């Protein structure tokens, strides 16, 4: 898994679950639908999205998706985004 660097300069990689949630964001799903697919509460998905955005240095879901794709964390054509 690629290592991402936070603003403080320390290694801050996405967790496997955060990456699963990011893949759902890229697939165009909302928090509720991601939660259903991953068997998580909507609030837990919201927390994972917020943590991933912080780690990736973005403030929007679109920015999160673009950053993950640009960094090669998720392929653009990901037919089975679920783990």
PDB file of N, CA and C in Angstrom:
ATOM      1  N   UNK A   1       0.846  -1.175   0.000  1.00  0.00           N
ATOM      2  CA  UNK A   1       0.000   0.000   0.000  1.00  0.00           C
ATOM      3  C   UNK A   1       0.893   1.241   0.000  1.00  0.00           C
ATOM      4  N   UNK A   2       0.595   2.213  -0.842  1.00  0.00           N
ATOM      5  CA  UNK A   2       1.386   3.445  -0.848  1.00  0.00           C
ATOM      6  C   UNK A   2       1.250   4.188   0.468  1.00  0.00           C
ATOM      7  N   UNK A   3       2.300   4.864   0.846  1.00  0.00           N
ATOM      8  CA  UNK A   3       2.279   5.646   2.078  1.00  0.00           C
ATOM      9  C   UNK A   3       2.010   7.094   1.716  1.00  0.00           C
ATOM     10  N   UNK A   4       1.049   7.687   2.373  1.00  0.00           N
ATOM     11  CA  UNK A   4       0.716   9.088   2.161  1.00  0.00           C
ATOM     12  C   UNK A   4       1.305   9.898   3.292  1.00  0.00           C
ATOM     13  N   UNK A   5       1.675  11.104   3.006  1.00  0.00           N
ATOM     14  CA  UNK A   5       2.280  11.958   4.023  1.00  0.00           C
ATOM     15  C   UNK A   5       1.299  13.044   4.423  1.00  0.00           C
ATOM     16  N   UNK A   6       1.108  13.215   5.717  1.00  0.00           N
ATOM     17  CA  UNK A   6       0.215  14.255   6.213  1.00  0.00           C
ATOM     18  C   UNK A   6       0.942  15.593   6.237  1.00  0.00           C
ATOM     19  N   UNK A   7       0.210  16.614   6.631  1.00  0.00           N
ATOM     20  CA  UNK A   7       0.791  17.955   6.698  1.00  0.00           C
ATOM     21  C   UNK A   7       1.917  18.043   7.714  1.00  0.00           C
ATOM     22  N   UNK A   8       1.921  17.211   8.738  1.00  0.00           N
ATOM     23  CA  UNK A   8       2.982  17.243   9.736  1.00  0.00           C
ATOM     24  C   UNK A   8       4.222  16.497   9.275  1.00  0.00           C
ATOM     25  N   UNK A   9       4.152  15.824   8.126  1.00  0.00           N
ATOM     26  CA  UNK A   9       5.317  15.140   7.595  1.00  0.00           C
ATOM     27  C   UNK A   9       5.472  13.708   8.069  1.00  0.00           C
ATOM     28  N   UNK A  10       4.547  13.213   8.877  1.00  0.00           N
ATOM     29  CA  UNK A  10       4.657  11.830   9.321  1.00  0.00           C
ATOM     30  C   UNK A  10       3.843  10.935   8.396  1.00  0.00           C
ATOM     31  N   UNK A  11       4.268   9.677   8.294  1.00  0.00           N
ATOM     32  CA  UNK A  11       3.548   8.736   7.445  1.00  0.00           C
ATOM     33  C   UNK A  11       2.139   8.544   7.999  1.00  0.00           C
ATOM     34  N   UNK A  12       1.159   8.614   7.145  1.00  0.00           N
ATOM     35  CA  UNK A  12      -0.235   8.523   7.563  1.00  0.00           C
ATOM     36  C   UNK A  12      -1.020   7.769   6.496  1.00  0.00           C
ATOM     37  N   UNK A  13      -0.801   6.445   6.386  1.00  0.00           N
ATOM     38  CA  UNK A  13      -1.466   5.701   5.311  1.00  0.00           C
ATOM     39  C   UNK A  13      -2.956   5.529   5.576  1.00  0.00           C
ATOM     40  N   UNK A  14      -3.709   5.355   4.507  1.00  0.00           N
ATOM     41  CA  UNK A  14      -5.115   5.009   4.652  1.00  0.00           C
ATOM     42  C   UNK A  14      -5.210   3.582   5.185  1.00  0.00           C
ATOM     43  N   UNK A  15      -6.145   3.371   6.083  1.00  0.00           N
ATOM     44  CA  UNK A  15      -6.375   2.011   6.564  1.00  0.00           C
ATOM     45  C   UNK A  15      -7.093   1.220   5.466  1.00  0.00           C
ATOM     46  N   UNK A  16      -7.072  -0.099   5.546  1.00  0.00           N
ATOM     47  CA  UNK A  16      -7.812  -0.885   4.548  1.00  0.00           C
ATOM     48  C   UNK A  16      -9.294  -0.512   4.503  1.00  0.00           C
ATOM     49  N   UNK A  17      -9.911  -0.233   5.642  1.00  0.00           N
ATOM     50  CA  UNK A  17     -11.330   0.116   5.649  1.00  0.00           C
ATOM     51  C   UNK A  17     -11.556   1.498   5.044  1.00  0.00           C
ATOM     52  N   UNK A  18     -10.664   2.447   5.338  1.00  0.00           N
ATOM     53  CA  UNK A  18     -10.775   3.765   4.708  1.00  0.00           C
ATOM     54  C   UNK A  18     -10.665   3.628   3.197  1.00  0.00           C
ATOM     55  N   UNK A  19      -9.770   2.778   2.748  1.00  0.00           N
ATOM     56  CA  UNK A  19      -9.609   2.561   1.313  1.00  0.00           C
ATOM     57  C   UNK A  19     -10.879   1.946   0.721  1.00  0.00           C
ATOM     58  N   UNK A  20     -11.498   1.011   1.420  1.00  0.00           N
ATOM     59  CA  UNK A  20     -12.774   0.445   0.955  1.00  0.00           C
ATOM     60  C   UNK A  20     -13.817   1.544   0.793  1.00  0.00           C
ATOM     61  N   UNK A  21     -13.887   2.436   1.769  1.00  0.00           N
ATOM     62  CA  UNK A  21     -14.860   3.521   1.727  1.00  0.00           C
ATOM     63  C   UNK A  21     -14.534   4.481   0.579  1.00  0.00           C
ATOM     64  N   UNK A  22     -13.269   4.785   0.376  1.00  0.00           N
ATOM     65  CA  UNK A  22     -12.870   5.657  -0.734  1.00  0.00           C
ATOM     66  C   UNK A  22     -13.286   5.032  -2.061  1.00  0.00           C
ATOM     67  N   UNK A  23     -13.134   3.730  -2.180  1.00  0.00           N
ATOM     68  CA  UNK A  23     -13.555   3.046  -3.399  1.00  0.00           C
ATOM     69  C   UNK A  23     -15.061   3.211  -3.621  1.00  0.00           C
ATOM     70  N   UNK A  24     -15.829   3.188  -2.547  1.00  0.00           N
ATOM     71  CA  UNK A  24     -17.264   3.437  -2.663  1.00  0.00           C
ATOM     72  C   UNK A  24     -17.562   4.861  -3.098  1.00  0.00           C
ATOM     73  N   UNK A  25     -16.804   5.815  -2.567  1.00  0.00           N
ATOM     74  CA  UNK A  25     -16.955   7.218  -2.980  1.00  0.00           C
ATOM     75  C   UNK A  25     -16.676   7.340  -4.475  1.00  0.00           C
ATOM     76  N   UNK A  26     -15.605   6.718  -4.925  1.00  0.00           N
ATOM     77  CA  UNK A  26     -15.243   6.773  -6.343  1.00  0.00           C
ATOM     78  C   UNK A  26     -16.320   6.118  -7.201  1.00  0.00           C
ATOM     79  N   UNK A  27     -16.967   5.080  -6.665  1.00  0.00           N
ATOM     80  CA  UNK A  27     -18.045   4.410  -7.399  1.00  0.00           C
ATOM     81  C   UNK A  27     -19.310   5.264  -7.452  1.00  0.00           C
ATOM     82  N   UNK A  28     -19.309   6.399  -6.747  1.00  0.00           N
ATOM     83  CA  UNK A  28     -20.438   7.314  -6.792  1.00  0.00           C
ATOM     84  C   UNK A  28     -21.513   7.045  -5.760  1.00  0.00           C
ATOM     85  N   UNK A  29     -21.205   6.240  -4.767  1.00  0.00           N
ATOM     86  CA  UNK A  29     -22.189   5.902  -3.741  1.00  0.00           C
ATOM     87  C   UNK A  29     -22.179   6.915  -2.604  1.00  0.00           C
ATOM     88  N   UNK A  30     -23.326   7.109  -2.002  1.00  0.00           N
ATOM     89  CA  UNK A  30     -23.440   7.944  -0.812  1.00  0.00           C
ATOM     90  C   UNK A  30     -23.069   7.141   0.422  1.00  0.00           C
ATOM     91  N   UNK A  31     -22.963   7.823   1.550  1.00  0.00           N
ATOM     92  CA  UNK A  31     -22.564   7.164   2.794  1.00  0.00           C
ATOM     93  C   UNK A  31     -23.489   6.009   3.162  1.00  0.00           C
ATOM     94  N   UNK A  32     -24.780   6.192   3.001  1.00  0.00           N
ATOM     95  CA  UNK A  32     -25.730   5.135   3.364  1.00  0.00           C
ATOM     96  C   UNK A  32     -25.500   3.888   2.515  1.00  0.00           C
ATOM     97  N   UNK A  33     -25.341   4.067   1.197  1.00  0.00           N
ATOM     98  CA  UNK A  33     -25.139   2.926   0.309  1.00  0.00           C
ATOM     99  C   UNK A  33     -23.789   2.244   0.551  1.00  0.00           C
ATOM    100  N   UNK A  34     -22.772   3.034   0.832  1.00  0.00           N
ATOM    101  CA  UNK A  34     -21.463   2.446   1.164  1.00  0.00           C
ATOM    102  C   UNK A  34     -21.608   1.617   2.430  1.00  0.00           C
ATOM    103  N   UNK A  35     -22.316   2.158   3.404  1.00  0.00           N
ATOM    104  CA  UNK A  35     -22.526   1.438   4.655  1.00  0.00           C
ATOM    105  C   UNK A  35     -23.255   0.118   4.453  1.00  0.00           C
ATOM    106  N   UNK A  36     -24.263   0.128   3.610  1.00  0.00           N
ATOM    107  CA  UNK A  36     -25.000  -1.108   3.326  1.00  0.00           C
ATOM    108  C   UNK A  36     -24.061  -2.135   2.702  1.00  0.00           C
ATOM    109  N   UNK A  37     -23.277  -1.716   1.726  1.00  0.00           N
ATOM    110  CA  UNK A  37     -22.366  -2.631   1.031  1.00  0.00           C
ATOM    111  C   UNK A  37     -21.282  -3.190   1.949  1.00  0.00           C
ATOM    112  N   UNK A  38     -20.798  -2.359   2.866  1.00  0.00           N
ATOM    113  CA  UNK A  38     -19.683  -2.763   3.738  1.00  0.00           C
ATOM    114  C   UNK A  38     -20.146  -3.185   5.137  1.00  0.00           C
ATOM    115  N   UNK A  39     -21.460  -3.187   5.360  1.00  0.00           N
ATOM    116  CA  UNK A  39     -22.027  -3.560   6.662  1.00  0.00           C
ATOM    117  C   UNK A  39     -21.518  -2.641   7.777  1.00  0.00           C
ATOM    118  N   UNK A  40     -21.588  -1.341   7.502  1.00  0.00           N
ATOM    119  CA  UNK A  40     -21.177  -0.306   8.453  1.00  0.00           C
ATOM    120  C   UNK A  40     -22.328   0.668   8.637  1.00  0.00           C
ATOM    121  N   UNK A  41     -22.343   1.367   9.766  1.00  0.00           N
ATOM    122  CA  UNK A  41     -23.344   2.417   9.943  1.00  0.00           C
ATOM    123  C   UNK A  41     -22.971   3.612   9.068  1.00  0.00           C
ATOM    124  N   UNK A  42     -23.975   4.401   8.757  1.00  0.00           N
ATOM    125  CA  UNK A  42     -23.736   5.607   7.959  1.00  0.00           C
ATOM    126  C   UNK A  42     -22.752   6.538   8.679  1.00  0.00           C
ATOM    127  N   UNK A  43     -22.856   6.613   9.998  1.00  0.00           N
ATOM    128  CA  UNK A  43     -21.956   7.460  10.790  1.00  0.00           C
ATOM    129  C   UNK A  43     -20.520   6.961  10.717  1.00  0.00           C
ATOM    130  N   UNK A  44     -20.321   5.650  10.742  1.00  0.00           N
ATOM    131  CA  UNK A  44     -18.972   5.091  10.627  1.00  0.00           C
ATOM    132  C   UNK A  44     -18.383   5.406   9.261  1.00  0.00           C
ATOM    133  N   UNK A  45     -19.197   5.293   8.227  1.00  0.00           N
ATOM    134  CA  UNK A  45     -18.728   5.640   6.875  1.00  0.00           C
ATOM    135  C   UNK A  45     -18.340   7.112   6.843  1.00  0.00           C
ATOM    136  N   UNK A  46     -19.168   7.961   7.423  1.00  0.00           N
ATOM    137  CA  UNK A  46     -18.879   9.395   7.469  1.00  0.00           C
ATOM    138  C   UNK A  46     -17.529   9.648   8.149  1.00  0.00           C
ATOM    139  N   UNK A  47     -17.256   8.935   9.216  1.00  0.00           N
ATOM    140  CA  UNK A  47     -15.975   9.091   9.919  1.00  0.00           C
ATOM    141  C   UNK A  47     -14.806   8.641   9.047  1.00  0.00           C
ATOM    142  N   UNK A  48     -14.978   7.521   8.357  1.00  0.00           N
ATOM    143  CA  UNK A  48     -13.912   7.038   7.477  1.00  0.00           C
ATOM    144  C   UNK A  48     -13.648   8.026   6.335  1.00  0.00           C
ATOM    145  N   UNK A  49     -14.715   8.593   5.779  1.00  0.00           N
ATOM    146  CA  UNK A  49     -14.556   9.585   4.709  1.00  0.00           C
ATOM    147  C   UNK A  49     -13.792  10.796   5.248  1.00  0.00           C
ATOM    148  N   UNK A  50     -14.178  11.282   6.411  1.00  0.00           N
ATOM    149  CA  UNK A  50     -13.509  12.453   6.995  1.00  0.00           C
ATOM    150  C   UNK A  50     -12.041  12.165   7.279  1.00  0.00           C
ATOM    151  N   UNK A  51     -11.745  10.982   7.824  1.00  0.00           N
ATOM    152  CA  UNK A  51     -10.350  10.624   8.099  1.00  0.00           C
ATOM    153  C   UNK A  51      -9.540  10.525   6.814  1.00  0.00           C
ATOM    154  N   UNK A  52     -10.118   9.909   5.790  1.00  0.00           N
ATOM    155  CA  UNK A  52      -9.419   9.772   4.519  1.00  0.00           C
ATOM    156  C   UNK A  52      -9.183  11.142   3.882  1.00  0.00           C
ATOM    157  N   UNK A  53     -10.172  12.033   3.955  1.00  0.00           N
ATOM    158  CA  UNK A  53      -9.998  13.373   3.398  1.00  0.00           C
ATOM    159  C   UNK A  53      -8.874  14.112   4.124  1.00  0.00           C
ATOM    160  N   UNK A  54      -8.831  13.980   5.439  1.00  0.00           N
ATOM    161  CA  UNK A  54      -7.760  14.636   6.209  1.00  0.00           C
ATOM    162  C   UNK A  54      -6.396  14.101   5.792  1.00  0.00           C
ATOM    163  N   UNK A  55      -6.281  12.786   5.706  1.00  0.00           N
ATOM    164  CA  UNK A  55      -5.012  12.161   5.339  1.00  0.00           C
ATOM    165  C   UNK A  55      -4.581  12.515   3.921  1.00  0.00           C
ATOM    166  N   UNK A  56      -5.552  12.671   3.023  1.00  0.00           N
ATOM    167  CA  UNK A  56      -5.248  12.979   1.629  1.00  0.00           C
ATOM    168  C   UNK A  56      -5.111  14.489   1.396  1.00  0.00           C
ATOM    169  N   UNK A  57      -5.434  15.277   2.416  1.00  0.00           N
ATOM    170  CA  UNK A  57      -5.300  16.728   2.290  1.00  0.00           C
ATOM    171  C   UNK A  57      -6.366  17.358   1.418  1.00  0.00           C
ATOM    172  N   UNK A  58      -7.576  16.799   1.443  1.00  0.00           N
ATOM    173  CA  UNK A  58      -8.679  17.352   0.662  1.00  0.00           C
ATOM    174  C   UNK A  58      -9.823  17.727   1.590  1.00  0.00           C
ATOM    175  N   UNK A  59     -10.736  18.534   1.085  1.00  0.00           N
ATOM    176  CA  UNK A  59     -11.870  18.945   1.907  1.00  0.00           C
ATOM    177  C   UNK A  59     -13.205  18.561   1.274  1.00  0.00           C
ATOM    178  N   UNK A  60     -13.163  17.837   0.155  1.00  0.00           N
ATOM    179  CA  UNK A  60     -14.393  17.415  -0.507  1.00  0.00           C
ATOM    180  C   UNK A  60     -14.295  15.952  -0.927  1.00  0.00           C
ATOM    181  N   UNK A  61     -15.452  15.331  -1.125  1.00  0.00           N
ATOM    182  CA  UNK A  61     -15.483  13.951  -1.603  1.00  0.00           C
ATOM    183  C   UNK A  61     -14.884  13.856  -3.007  1.00  0.00           C
ATOM    184  N   UNK A  62     -15.149  14.853  -3.831  1.00  0.00           N
ATOM    185  CA  UNK A  62     -14.587  14.855  -5.178  1.00  0.00           C
ATOM    186  C   UNK A  62     -13.069  14.931  -5.115  1.00  0.00           C
ATOM    187  N   UNK A  63     -12.558  15.798  -4.260  1.00  0.00           N
ATOM    188  CA  UNK A  63     -11.110  15.901  -4.089  1.00  0.00           C
ATOM    189  C   UNK A  63     -10.508  14.608  -3.586  1.00  0.00           C
ATOM    190  N   UNK A  64     -11.223  13.938  -2.700  1.00  0.00           N
ATOM    191  CA  UNK A  64     -10.771  12.647  -2.186  1.00  0.00           C
ATOM    192  C   UNK A  64     -10.681  11.633  -3.318  1.00  0.00           C
ATOM    193  N   UNK A  65     -11.715  11.567  -4.142  1.00  0.00           N
ATOM    194  CA  UNK A  65     -11.729  10.620  -5.256  1.00  0.00           C
ATOM    195  C   UNK A  65     -10.603  10.906  -6.240  1.00  0.00           C
ATOM    196  N   UNK A  66     -10.440  12.172  -6.600  1.00  0.00           N
ATOM    197  CA  UNK A  66      -9.393  12.550  -7.551  1.00  0.00           C
ATOM    198  C   UNK A  66      -8.011  12.231  -6.984  1.00  0.00           C
ATOM    199  N   UNK A  67      -7.782  12.560  -5.731  1.00  0.00           N
ATOM    200  CA  UNK A  67      -6.477  12.300  -5.119  1.00  0.00           C
ATOM    201  C   UNK A  67      -6.172  10.809  -5.069  1.00  0.00           C
ATOM    202  N   UNK A  68      -7.158  10.010  -4.703  1.00  0.00           N
ATOM    203  CA  UNK A  68      -6.946   8.558  -4.638  1.00  0.00           C
ATOM    204  C   UNK A  68      -6.643   7.985  -6.016  1.00  0.00           C
ATOM    205  N   UNK A  69      -7.355   8.459  -7.027  1.00  0.00           N
ATOM    206  CA  UNK A  69      -7.103   7.984  -8.397  1.00  0.00           C
ATOM    207  C   UNK A  69      -5.729   8.434  -8.894  1.00  0.00           C
ATOM    208  N   UNK A  70      -5.394   9.683  -8.668  1.00  0.00           N
ATOM    209  CA  UNK A  70      -4.096  10.202  -9.120  1.00  0.00           C
ATOM    210  C   UNK A  70      -2.930   9.502  -8.443  1.00  0.00           C
ATOM    211  N   UNK A  71      -3.103   9.126  -7.194  1.00  0.00           N
ATOM    212  CA  UNK A  71      -2.030   8.459  -6.453  1.00  0.00           C
ATOM    213  C   UNK A  71      -1.993   6.954  -6.700  1.00  0.00           C
ATOM    214  N   UNK A  72      -2.929   6.467  -7.505  1.00  0.00           N
ATOM    215  CA  UNK A  72      -2.934   5.055  -7.848  1.00  0.00           C
ATOM    216  C   UNK A  72      -3.420   4.146  -6.735  1.00  0.00           C
ATOM    217  N   UNK A  73      -4.149   4.702  -5.768  1.00  0.00           N
ATOM    218  CA  UNK A  73      -4.656   3.882  -4.682  1.00  0.00           C
ATOM    219  C   UNK A  73      -5.812   2.998  -5.142  1.00  0.00           C
ATOM    220  N   UNK A  74      -6.518   3.477  -6.149  1.00  0.00           N
ATOM    221  CA  UNK A  74      -7.671   2.760  -6.704  1.00  0.00           C
ATOM    222  C   UNK A  74      -7.615   2.906  -8.217  1.00  0.00           C
ATOM    223  N   UNK A  75      -7.816   1.804  -8.965  1.00  0.00           N
ATOM    224  CA  UNK A  75      -7.849   1.939 -10.419  1.00  0.00           C
ATOM    225  C   UNK A  75      -9.116   2.674 -10.863  1.00  0.00           C
ATOM    226  N   UNK A  76      -9.029   3.384 -11.969  1.00  0.00           N
ATOM    227  CA  UNK A  76     -10.176   4.137 -12.477  1.00  0.00           C
ATOM    228  C   UNK A  76     -11.347   3.201 -12.775  1.00  0.00           C
ATOM    229  N   UNK A  77     -11.074   2.071 -13.400  1.00  0.00           N
ATOM    230  CA  UNK A  77     -12.113   1.097 -13.720  1.00  0.00           C
ATOM    231  C   UNK A  77     -12.023  -0.035 -12.703  1.00  0.00           C
ATOM    232  N   UNK A  78     -12.777   0.091 -11.626  1.00  0.00           N
ATOM    233  CA  UNK A  78     -12.726  -0.864 -10.514  1.00  0.00           C
ATOM    234  C   UNK A  78     -14.081  -1.577 -10.444  1.00  0.00           C
ATOM    235  N   UNK A  79     -14.272  -2.652 -11.231  1.00  0.00           N
ATOM    236  CA  UNK A  79     -15.590  -3.279 -11.323  1.00  0.00           C
ATOM    237  C   UNK A  79     -16.081  -3.873 -10.005  1.00  0.00           C
ATOM    238  N   UNK A  80     -15.193  -4.327  -9.150  1.00  0.00           N
ATOM    239  CA  UNK A  80     -15.595  -4.891  -7.857  1.00  0.00           C
ATOM    240  C   UNK A  80     -14.927  -4.090  -6.753  1.00  0.00           C
ATOM    241  N   UNK A  81     -15.507  -2.958  -6.408  1.00  0.00           N
ATOM    242  CA  UNK A  81     -14.867  -2.058  -5.448  1.00  0.00           C
ATOM    243  C   UNK A  81     -14.927  -2.584  -4.028  1.00  0.00           C
ATOM    244  N   UNK A  82     -15.805  -3.523  -3.756  1.00  0.00           N
ATOM    245  CA  UNK A  82     -15.915  -4.053  -2.396  1.00  0.00           C
ATOM    246  C   UNK A  82     -14.775  -4.993  -2.083  1.00  0.00           C
ATOM    247  N   UNK A  83     -14.420  -5.062  -0.782  1.00  0.00           N
ATOM    248  CA  UNK A  83     -13.329  -5.948  -0.351  1.00  0.00           C
ATOM    249  C   UNK A  83     -13.802  -7.371  -0.246  1.00  0.00           C
TER     250      UNK A  83
END
